[in-house]
Amino acid sequence: FAVDPALKDELGLWRAGAHTDYDCLTLLFQRAGQA
């Protein structure tokens, strides 16, 4: 989600928290400009 200004300083929120994947292999496609 786009950053909600009301939550921008909220601690503990992540777009995706740290993890390993539980599969064999992951293929990830990213979009330019969306780091």
All heavy atoms as atom14 arrays in JSON, in Angstrom:
{
  "sequence": "FAVDPALKDELGLWRAGAHTDYDCLTLLFQRAGQA",
  "atom14_mask": [
    [1, 1, 1, 1, 1, 1, 1, 1, 1, 1, 1, 0, 0, 0],
    [1, 1, 1, 1, 1, 0, 0, 0, 0, 0, 0, 0, 0, 0],
    [1, 1, 1, 1, 1, 1, 1, 0, 0, 0, 0, 0, 0, 0],
    [1, 1, 1, 1, 1, 1, 1, 1, 0, 0, 0, 0, 0, 0],
    [1, 1, 1, 1, 1, 1, 1, 0, 0, 0, 0, 0, 0, 0],
    [1, 1, 1, 1, 1, 0, 0, 0, 0, 0, 0, 0, 0, 0],
    [1, 1, 1, 1, 1, 1, 1, 1, 0, 0, 0, 0, 0, 0],
    [1, 1, 1, 1, 1, 1, 1, 1, 1, 0, 0, 0, 0, 0],
    [1, 1, 1, 1, 1, 1, 1, 1, 0, 0, 0, 0, 0, 0],
    [1, 1, 1, 1, 1, 1, 1, 1, 1, 0, 0, 0, 0, 0],
    [1, 1, 1, 1, 1, 1, 1, 1, 0, 0, 0, 0, 0, 0],
    [1, 1, 1, 1, 0, 0, 0, 0, 0, 0, 0, 0, 0, 0],
    [1, 1, 1, 1, 1, 1, 1, 1, 0, 0, 0, 0, 0, 0],
    [1, 1, 1, 1, 1, 1, 1, 1, 1, 1, 1, 1, 1, 1],
    [1, 1, 1, 1, 1, 1, 1, 1, 1, 1, 1, 0, 0, 0],
    [1, 1, 1, 1, 1, 0, 0, 0, 0, 0, 0, 0, 0, 0],
    [1, 1, 1, 1, 0, 0, 0, 0, 0, 0, 0, 0, 0, 0],
    [1, 1, 1, 1, 1, 0, 0, 0, 0, 0, 0, 0, 0, 0],
    [1, 1, 1, 1, 1, 1, 1, 1, 1, 1, 0, 0, 0, 0],
    [1, 1, 1, 1, 1, 1, 1, 0, 0, 0, 0, 0, 0, 0],
    [1, 1, 1, 1, 1, 1, 1, 1, 0, 0, 0, 0, 0, 0],
    [1, 1, 1, 1, 1, 1, 1, 1, 1, 1, 1, 1, 0, 0],
    [1, 1, 1, 1, 1, 1, 1, 1, 0, 0, 0, 0, 0, 0],
    [1, 1, 1, 1, 1, 1, 0, 0, 0, 0, 0, 0, 0, 0],
    [1, 1, 1, 1, 1, 1, 1, 1, 0, 0, 0, 0, 0, 0],
    [1, 1, 1, 1, 1, 1, 1, 0, 0, 0, 0, 0, 0, 0],
    [1, 1, 1, 1, 1, 1, 1, 1, 0, 0, 0, 0, 0, 0],
    [1, 1, 1, 1, 1, 1, 1, 1, 0, 0, 0, 0, 0, 0],
    [1, 1, 1, 1, 1, 1, 1, 1, 1, 1, 1, 0, 0, 0],
    [1, 1, 1, 1, 1, 1, 1, 1, 1, 0, 0, 0, 0, 0],
    [1, 1, 1, 1, 1, 1, 1, 1, 1, 1, 1, 0, 0, 0],
    [1, 1, 1, 1, 1, 0, 0, 0, 0, 0, 0, 0, 0, 0],
    [1, 1, 1, 1, 0, 0, 0, 0, 0, 0, 0, 0, 0, 0],
    [1, 1, 1, 1, 1, 1, 1, 1, 1, 0, 0, 0, 0, 0],
    [1, 1, 1, 1, 1, 0, 0, 0, 0, 0, 0, 0, 0, 0]
  ],
  "atom14_positions": [
    [[0.81, -1.21, 0.0], [0.0, 0.0, 0.0], [0.85, 1.27, 0.0], [1.94, 1.31, 0.57], [-0.93, 0.02, 1.22], [-1.78, -1.21, 1.33], [-1.75, -1.99, 2.47], [-2.58, -1.62, 0.28], [-2.52, -3.13, 2.58], [-3.36, -2.76, 0.37], [-3.33, -3.52, 1.53], [0.0, 0.0, 0.0], [0.0, 0.0, 0.0], [0.0, 0.0, 0.0]],
    [[0.31, 2.3, -0.64], [0.91, 3.62, -0.54], [0.96, 4.02, 0.94], [0.11, 3.6, 1.74], [0.11, 4.63, -1.34], [0.0, 0.0, 0.0], [0.0, 0.0, 0.0], [0.0, 0.0, 0.0], [0.0, 0.0, 0.0], [0.0, 0.0, 0.0], [0.0, 0.0, 0.0], [0.0, 0.0, 0.0], [0.0, 0.0, 0.0], [0.0, 0.0, 0.0]],
    [[1.95, 4.79, 1.3], [2.12, 5.17, 2.7], [0.97, 6.05, 3.16], [0.66, 7.08, 2.54], [3.46, 5.89, 2.91], [3.59, 6.38, 4.35], [4.62, 4.97, 2.56], [0.0, 0.0, 0.0], [0.0, 0.0, 0.0], [0.0, 0.0, 0.0], [0.0, 0.0, 0.0], [0.0, 0.0, 0.0], [0.0, 0.0, 0.0], [0.0, 0.0, 0.0]],
    [[0.34, 5.65, 4.24], [-0.72, 6.44, 4.86], [-0.05, 7.5, 5.74], [0.66, 7.15, 6.69], [-1.62, 5.53, 5.69], [-2.78, 6.26, 6.35], [-2.75, 7.51, 6.42], [-3.71, 5.59, 6.81], [0.0, 0.0, 0.0], [0.0, 0.0, 0.0], [0.0, 0.0, 0.0], [0.0, 0.0, 0.0], [0.0, 0.0, 0.0], [0.0, 0.0, 0.0]],
    [[-0.24, 8.79, 5.45], [0.43, 9.82, 6.26], [0.16, 9.67, 7.75], [1.03, 9.99, 8.57], [-0.17, 11.13, 5.71], [-0.57, 10.8, 4.31], [-1.05, 9.37, 4.35], [0.0, 0.0, 0.0], [0.0, 0.0, 0.0], [0.0, 0.0, 0.0], [0.0, 0.0, 0.0], [0.0, 0.0, 0.0], [0.0, 0.0, 0.0], [0.0, 0.0, 0.0]],
    [[-1.01, 9.14, 8.09], [-1.34, 8.99, 9.51], [-0.53, 7.9, 10.18], [-0.42, 7.86, 11.41], [-2.83, 8.69, 9.66], [0.0, 0.0, 0.0], [0.0, 0.0, 0.0], [0.0, 0.0, 0.0], [0.0, 0.0, 0.0], [0.0, 0.0, 0.0], [0.0, 0.0, 0.0], [0.0, 0.0, 0.0], [0.0, 0.0, 0.0], [0.0, 0.0, 0.0]],
    [[0.08, 6.99, 9.37], [0.81, 5.87, 9.94], [2.31, 5.93, 9.65], [3.04, 5.01, 9.99], [0.25, 4.54, 9.39], [-1.21, 4.23, 9.69], [-1.62, 2.93, 9.0], [-1.46, 4.12, 11.18], [0.0, 0.0, 0.0], [0.0, 0.0, 0.0], [0.0, 0.0, 0.0], [0.0, 0.0, 0.0], [0.0, 0.0, 0.0], [0.0, 0.0, 0.0]],
    [[2.76, 7.0, 9.01], [4.15, 7.03, 8.53], [5.18, 6.93, 9.65], [6.3, 6.48, 9.43], [4.41, 8.28, 7.7], [4.36, 9.6, 8.45], [4.62, 10.76, 7.51], [4.55, 12.1, 8.23], [5.6, 12.23, 9.24], [0.0, 0.0, 0.0], [0.0, 0.0, 0.0], [0.0, 0.0, 0.0], [0.0, 0.0, 0.0], [0.0, 0.0, 0.0]],
    [[4.81, 7.34, 10.86], [5.74, 7.27, 11.98], [5.46, 6.09, 12.91], [6.06, 5.97, 13.97], [5.7, 8.57, 12.79], [6.16, 9.77, 11.97], [7.11, 9.61, 11.18], [5.56, 10.85, 12.11], [0.0, 0.0, 0.0], [0.0, 0.0, 0.0], [0.0, 0.0, 0.0], [0.0, 0.0, 0.0], [0.0, 0.0, 0.0], [0.0, 0.0, 0.0]],
    [[4.53, 5.24, 12.49], [4.16, 4.09, 13.32], [5.32, 3.09, 13.34], [5.77, 2.62, 12.3], [2.91, 3.42, 12.75], [2.4, 2.27, 13.59], [1.29, 2.68, 14.53], [0.8, 3.82, 14.43], [0.94, 1.85, 15.37], [0.0, 0.0, 0.0], [0.0, 0.0, 0.0], [0.0, 0.0, 0.0], [0.0, 0.0, 0.0], [0.0, 0.0, 0.0]],
    [[5.79, 2.75, 14.51], [6.89, 1.8, 14.62], [6.37, 0.37, 14.44], [5.26, 0.05, 14.83], [7.56, 1.94, 15.99], [8.28, 3.27, 16.25], [8.83, 3.29, 17.67], [9.39, 3.51, 15.24], [0.0, 0.0, 0.0], [0.0, 0.0, 0.0], [0.0, 0.0, 0.0], [0.0, 0.0, 0.0], [0.0, 0.0, 0.0], [0.0, 0.0, 0.0]],
    [[7.2, -0.46, 13.85], [6.85, -1.87, 13.73], [6.1, -2.24, 12.48], [5.81, -3.42, 12.27], [0.0, 0.0, 0.0], [0.0, 0.0, 0.0], [0.0, 0.0, 0.0], [0.0, 0.0, 0.0], [0.0, 0.0, 0.0], [0.0, 0.0, 0.0], [0.0, 0.0, 0.0], [0.0, 0.0, 0.0], [0.0, 0.0, 0.0], [0.0, 0.0, 0.0]],
    [[5.74, -1.26, 11.63], [5.03, -1.58, 10.4], [6.02, -1.8, 9.26], [6.93, -1.0, 9.05], [4.04, -0.46, 10.03], [2.86, -0.26, 10.98], [1.96, 0.85, 10.47], [2.07, -1.55, 11.15], [0.0, 0.0, 0.0], [0.0, 0.0, 0.0], [0.0, 0.0, 0.0], [0.0, 0.0, 0.0], [0.0, 0.0, 0.0], [0.0, 0.0, 0.0]],
    [[5.81, -2.87, 8.52], [6.66, -3.22, 7.38], [5.77, -3.59, 6.2], [4.71, -4.19, 6.38], [7.55, -4.41, 7.72], [8.61, -4.11, 8.74], [8.47, -4.13, 10.1], [9.96, -3.74, 8.47], [9.66, -3.79, 10.69], [10.59, -3.55, 9.71], [10.7, -3.56, 7.3], [11.93, -3.18, 9.83], [12.03, -3.21, 7.4], [12.64, -3.02, 8.65]],
    [[6.22, -3.25, 5.03], [5.5, -3.76, 3.86], [5.59, -5.29, 3.83], [4.62, -5.97, 3.51], [6.06, -3.13, 2.59], [5.54, -1.7, 2.38], [6.08, -1.04, 1.13], [5.19, 0.06, 0.74], [5.43, 0.89, -0.26], [6.54, 0.77, -0.98], [4.57, 1.84, -0.55], [0.0, 0.0, 0.0], [0.0, 0.0, 0.0], [0.0, 0.0, 0.0]],
    [[6.75, -5.82, 4.17], [6.91, -7.26, 4.38], [8.03, -7.45, 5.38], [9.16, -7.04, 5.14], [7.22, -7.99, 3.08], [0.0, 0.0, 0.0], [0.0, 0.0, 0.0], [0.0, 0.0, 0.0], [0.0, 0.0, 0.0], [0.0, 0.0, 0.0], [0.0, 0.0, 0.0], [0.0, 0.0, 0.0], [0.0, 0.0, 0.0], [0.0, 0.0, 0.0]],
    [[7.72, -8.05, 6.52], [8.74, -8.28, 7.55], [9.78, -9.29, 7.11], [9.56, -10.08, 6.17], [0.0, 0.0, 0.0], [0.0, 0.0, 0.0], [0.0, 0.0, 0.0], [0.0, 0.0, 0.0], [0.0, 0.0, 0.0], [0.0, 0.0, 0.0], [0.0, 0.0, 0.0], [0.0, 0.0, 0.0], [0.0, 0.0, 0.0], [0.0, 0.0, 0.0]],
    [[10.91, -9.28, 7.77], [12.02, -10.16, 7.42], [11.59, -11.62, 7.49], [10.95, -12.06, 8.45], [13.2, -9.91, 8.36], [0.0, 0.0, 0.0], [0.0, 0.0, 0.0], [0.0, 0.0, 0.0], [0.0, 0.0, 0.0], [0.0, 0.0, 0.0], [0.0, 0.0, 0.0], [0.0, 0.0, 0.0], [0.0, 0.0, 0.0], [0.0, 0.0, 0.0]],
    [[11.98, -12.39, 6.46], [11.6, -13.79, 6.4], [12.46, -14.54, 5.39], [13.1, -13.93, 4.53], [10.13, -13.94, 6.0], [9.81, -13.42, 4.62], [9.71, -12.07, 4.34], [9.61, -14.06, 3.45], [9.44, -11.91, 3.05], [9.39, -13.1, 2.49], [0.0, 0.0, 0.0], [0.0, 0.0, 0.0], [0.0, 0.0, 0.0], [0.0, 0.0, 0.0]],
    [[12.48, -15.84, 5.49], [12.95, -16.69, 4.41], [11.73, -17.3, 3.75], [10.67, -17.42, 4.38], [13.87, -17.81, 4.93], [13.17, -18.57, 5.93], [15.15, -17.25, 5.53], [0.0, 0.0, 0.0], [0.0, 0.0, 0.0], [0.0, 0.0, 0.0], [0.0, 0.0, 0.0], [0.0, 0.0, 0.0], [0.0, 0.0, 0.0], [0.0, 0.0, 0.0]],
    [[11.85, -17.65, 2.49], [10.74, -18.32, 1.81], [10.79, -19.81, 2.14], [11.85, -20.37, 2.41], [10.83, -18.12, 0.29], [10.49, -16.69, -0.11], [9.81, -15.99, 0.68], [10.92, -16.26, -1.2], [0.0, 0.0, 0.0], [0.0, 0.0, 0.0], [0.0, 0.0, 0.0], [0.0, 0.0, 0.0], [0.0, 0.0, 0.0], [0.0, 0.0, 0.0]],
    [[9.63, -20.45, 2.1], [9.59, -21.86, 2.48], [9.45, -22.78, 1.29], [9.03, -23.92, 1.41], [8.47, -22.12, 3.5], [7.25, -21.23, 3.42], [6.23, -21.47, 2.51], [7.11, -20.18, 4.32], [5.1, -20.67, 2.49], [5.99, -19.37, 4.3], [4.98, -19.62, 3.38], [3.86, -18.81, 3.35], [0.0, 0.0, 0.0], [0.0, 0.0, 0.0]],
    [[9.87, -22.3, 0.12], [9.81, -23.09, -1.1], [11.2, -23.61, -1.47], [12.11, -23.58, -0.65], [9.24, -22.24, -2.24], [10.08, -20.99, -2.51], [10.98, -20.69, -1.7], [9.84, -20.32, -3.53], [0.0, 0.0, 0.0], [0.0, 0.0, 0.0], [0.0, 0.0, 0.0], [0.0, 0.0, 0.0], [0.0, 0.0, 0.0], [0.0, 0.0, 0.0]],
    [[11.34, -24.09, -2.71], [12.67, -24.45, -3.21], [13.37, -23.23, -3.79], [14.52, -22.95, -3.46], [12.55, -25.54, -4.28], [12.31, -27.19, -3.63], [0.0, 0.0, 0.0], [0.0, 0.0, 0.0], [0.0, 0.0, 0.0], [0.0, 0.0, 0.0], [0.0, 0.0, 0.0], [0.0, 0.0, 0.0], [0.0, 0.0, 0.0], [0.0, 0.0, 0.0]],
    [[12.67, -22.52, -4.66], [13.26, -21.37, -5.36], [12.18, -20.35, -5.62], [11.07, -20.7, -6.03], [13.88, -21.83, -6.69], [14.57, -20.75, -7.53], [15.88, -20.31, -6.87], [14.85, -21.27, -8.94], [0.0, 0.0, 0.0], [0.0, 0.0, 0.0], [0.0, 0.0, 0.0], [0.0, 0.0, 0.0], [0.0, 0.0, 0.0], [0.0, 0.0, 0.0]],
    [[12.49, -19.08, -5.38], [11.56, -17.98, -5.64], [12.07, -17.15, -6.81], [13.26, -16.8, -6.86], [11.42, -17.06, -4.41], [10.96, -17.83, -3.3], [10.43, -15.94, -4.68], [0.0, 0.0, 0.0], [0.0, 0.0, 0.0], [0.0, 0.0, 0.0], [0.0, 0.0, 0.0], [0.0, 0.0, 0.0], [0.0, 0.0, 0.0], [0.0, 0.0, 0.0]],
    [[11.16, -16.83, -7.73], [11.44, -15.9, -8.82], [10.66, -14.62, -8.52], [9.43, -14.67, -8.36], [10.98, -16.45, -10.16], [11.39, -17.89, -10.53], [10.85, -18.24, -11.92], [12.89, -18.06, -10.48], [0.0, 0.0, 0.0], [0.0, 0.0, 0.0], [0.0, 0.0, 0.0], [0.0, 0.0, 0.0], [0.0, 0.0, 0.0], [0.0, 0.0, 0.0]],
    [[11.33, -13.49, -8.44], [10.67, -12.23, -8.1], [10.85, -11.21, -9.2], [11.98, -10.94, -9.65], [11.24, -11.67, -6.79], [10.61, -10.34, -6.33], [9.18, -10.57, -5.86], [11.44, -9.68, -5.25], [0.0, 0.0, 0.0], [0.0, 0.0, 0.0], [0.0, 0.0, 0.0], [0.0, 0.0, 0.0], [0.0, 0.0, 0.0], [0.0, 0.0, 0.0]],
    [[9.74, -10.62, -9.63], [9.73, -9.55, -10.62], [9.41, -8.26, -9.88], [8.41, -8.17, -9.16], [8.67, -9.8, -11.69], [8.83, -11.11, -12.42], [8.33, -12.3, -11.88], [9.46, -11.16, -13.66], [8.46, -13.51, -12.56], [9.6, -12.36, -14.34], [9.1, -13.54, -13.78], [0.0, 0.0, 0.0], [0.0, 0.0, 0.0], [0.0, 0.0, 0.0]],
    [[10.27, -7.24, -10.08], [10.05, -5.93, -9.48], [9.78, -4.91, -10.57], [10.16, -5.09, -11.73], [11.28, -5.49, -8.68], [11.64, -6.38, -7.53], [12.67, -5.71, -6.64], [12.34, -4.95, -5.73], [13.94, -5.99, -6.89], [0.0, 0.0, 0.0], [0.0, 0.0, 0.0], [0.0, 0.0, 0.0], [0.0, 0.0, 0.0], [0.0, 0.0, 0.0]],
    [[9.17, -3.8, -10.17], [8.85, -2.74, -11.11], [9.77, -1.55, -10.89], [10.0, -1.13, -9.74], [7.39, -2.3, -10.93], [6.7, -2.05, -12.24], [5.23, -1.85, -12.05], [4.55, -1.86, -13.33], [3.26, -1.63, -13.48], [2.52, -1.38, -12.41], [2.71, -1.65, -14.67], [0.0, 0.0, 0.0], [0.0, 0.0, 0.0], [0.0, 0.0, 0.0]],
    [[10.28, -1.02, -11.97], [11.2, 0.11, -11.89], [10.57, 1.26, -11.1], [9.39, 1.57, -11.26], [11.58, 0.58, -13.29], [0.0, 0.0, 0.0], [0.0, 0.0, 0.0], [0.0, 0.0, 0.0], [0.0, 0.0, 0.0], [0.0, 0.0, 0.0], [0.0, 0.0, 0.0], [0.0, 0.0, 0.0], [0.0, 0.0, 0.0], [0.0, 0.0, 0.0]],
    [[11.39, 1.87, -10.22], [10.92, 3.01, -9.44], [10.21, 2.64, -8.16], [9.84, 3.53, -7.39], [0.0, 0.0, 0.0], [0.0, 0.0, 0.0], [0.0, 0.0, 0.0], [0.0, 0.0, 0.0], [0.0, 0.0, 0.0], [0.0, 0.0, 0.0], [0.0, 0.0, 0.0], [0.0, 0.0, 0.0], [0.0, 0.0, 0.0], [0.0, 0.0, 0.0]],
    [[10.01, 1.34, -7.92], [9.29, 0.89, -6.73], [10.23, 0.03, -5.89], [10.15, -1.19, -5.86], [8.02, 0.13, -7.12], [7.05, 0.99, -7.92], [5.8, 0.24, -8.36], [5.57, -0.9, -8.0], [4.99, 0.9, -9.17], [0.0, 0.0, 0.0], [0.0, 0.0, 0.0], [0.0, 0.0, 0.0], [0.0, 0.0, 0.0], [0.0, 0.0, 0.0]],
    [[11.13, 0.68, -5.2], [12.18, -0.01, -4.44], [11.67, -0.43, -3.07], [10.51, -0.26, -2.73], [13.41, 0.89, -4.33], [0.0, 0.0, 0.0], [0.0, 0.0, 0.0], [0.0, 0.0, 0.0], [0.0, 0.0, 0.0], [0.0, 0.0, 0.0], [0.0, 0.0, 0.0], [0.0, 0.0, 0.0], [0.0, 0.0, 0.0], [0.0, 0.0, 0.0]]
  ]
}
